[in-house]
Protein backbone atom coordinates (compact mmCIF):
# COMPACT_ATOMS: atom_id res chain seq x y z
CA MET A 1 120.84 99.75 107.98
CA LEU A 2 117.80 101.89 107.30
CA PHE A 3 114.16 100.87 107.54
CA LEU A 4 111.89 103.11 105.45
CA ASP A 5 108.16 103.23 104.88
CA ILE A 6 106.83 104.49 101.57
CA LYS A 7 104.40 106.97 103.11
CA LEU A 8 106.24 109.30 105.48
CA GLN A 9 104.88 112.47 107.03
CA ASP A 10 106.78 114.97 104.87
CA CYS A 11 107.91 112.91 101.86
CA SER A 12 107.98 109.41 100.46
CA GLY A 13 110.48 106.79 101.51
CA ILE A 14 111.50 106.48 97.87
CA ASP A 15 112.29 110.21 97.72
CA LEU A 16 114.20 110.03 100.99
CA ALA A 17 116.24 107.07 99.73
CA LYS A 18 117.06 108.98 96.52
CA GLU A 19 118.18 112.00 98.55
CA ILE A 20 120.38 109.88 100.81
CA LEU A 21 121.94 108.08 97.85
CA SER A 22 122.52 111.35 95.98
CA GLN A 23 124.70 112.48 98.89
CA GLY A 24 127.03 109.55 98.31
CA LEU A 25 125.78 107.59 101.31
CA LYS A 26 125.14 103.89 100.77
CA PRO A 27 122.99 102.54 103.59
CA TYR A 28 121.44 99.10 103.45
CA ILE A 29 117.77 99.99 102.92
CA ILE A 30 114.84 97.78 103.84
CA PHE A 31 111.43 99.13 102.89
CA THR A 32 108.57 98.20 105.22
CA THR A 33 105.26 99.27 103.78
CA ALA A 34 101.70 98.43 102.80
CA TYR A 35 102.24 99.63 99.22
CA GLY A 36 103.43 96.86 96.93
CA GLU A 37 103.39 98.98 93.78
CA TYR A 38 106.67 100.72 94.71
CA ALA A 39 108.75 97.56 95.05
CA LEU A 40 110.33 97.71 91.59
CA GLU A 41 111.44 101.31 92.11
CA ALA A 42 112.81 100.41 95.55
CA PHE A 43 114.91 97.58 94.14
CA ARG A 44 116.17 99.90 91.40
CA LEU A 45 117.54 101.98 94.29
CA SER A 46 119.37 98.85 95.51
CA ALA A 47 117.03 98.15 98.40
CA VAL A 48 118.04 95.01 100.26
CA ASP A 49 114.44 93.96 100.81
CA TYR A 50 110.85 95.15 100.53
CA LEU A 51 108.55 93.88 103.27
CA LEU A 52 104.82 94.21 102.85
CA LYS A 53 102.73 94.84 105.95
CA PRO A 54 101.76 92.92 107.90
CA PHE A 55 105.15 91.27 108.16
CA SER A 56 106.43 88.89 110.79
CA GLN A 57 109.48 88.87 113.03
CA GLU A 58 110.79 86.11 110.79
CA ASP A 59 110.47 88.40 107.74
CA ILE A 60 112.47 91.09 109.54
CA SER A 61 115.12 88.58 110.59
CA ARG A 62 115.51 87.34 107.01
CA ALA A 63 115.85 90.91 105.75
CA ILE A 64 118.51 91.68 108.35
CA ASP A 65 120.33 88.47 107.38
CA LYS A 66 120.33 89.73 103.78
CA VAL A 67 121.97 92.95 104.95
CA PHE A 68 124.75 91.04 106.71
CA GLU A 69 125.20 88.78 103.68
CA ARG A 70 125.44 91.75 101.33
CA LYS A 71 127.83 93.51 103.72
CA SER A 72 130.12 90.47 103.92
CA ASN A 73 130.15 90.17 100.10
CA THR A 74 131.39 93.74 99.73
CA GLN A 75 134.31 93.48 102.15
């Protein structure tokens, strides 16, 4: 499970996700960001969820539940 922000110090979270996926890795990615305009691109990269700041503990819990649900569906 990988939590990524859109704006990172040296690159964007979208670019980092693309790089990780291009290496054949398939983490469960949850974007946590203040930038809603990247949500469509994130979901095209198979993001599990896209949480807009400020988000609550309940939002995080639901996103983590989605990861476990997706994981159980692929086994």
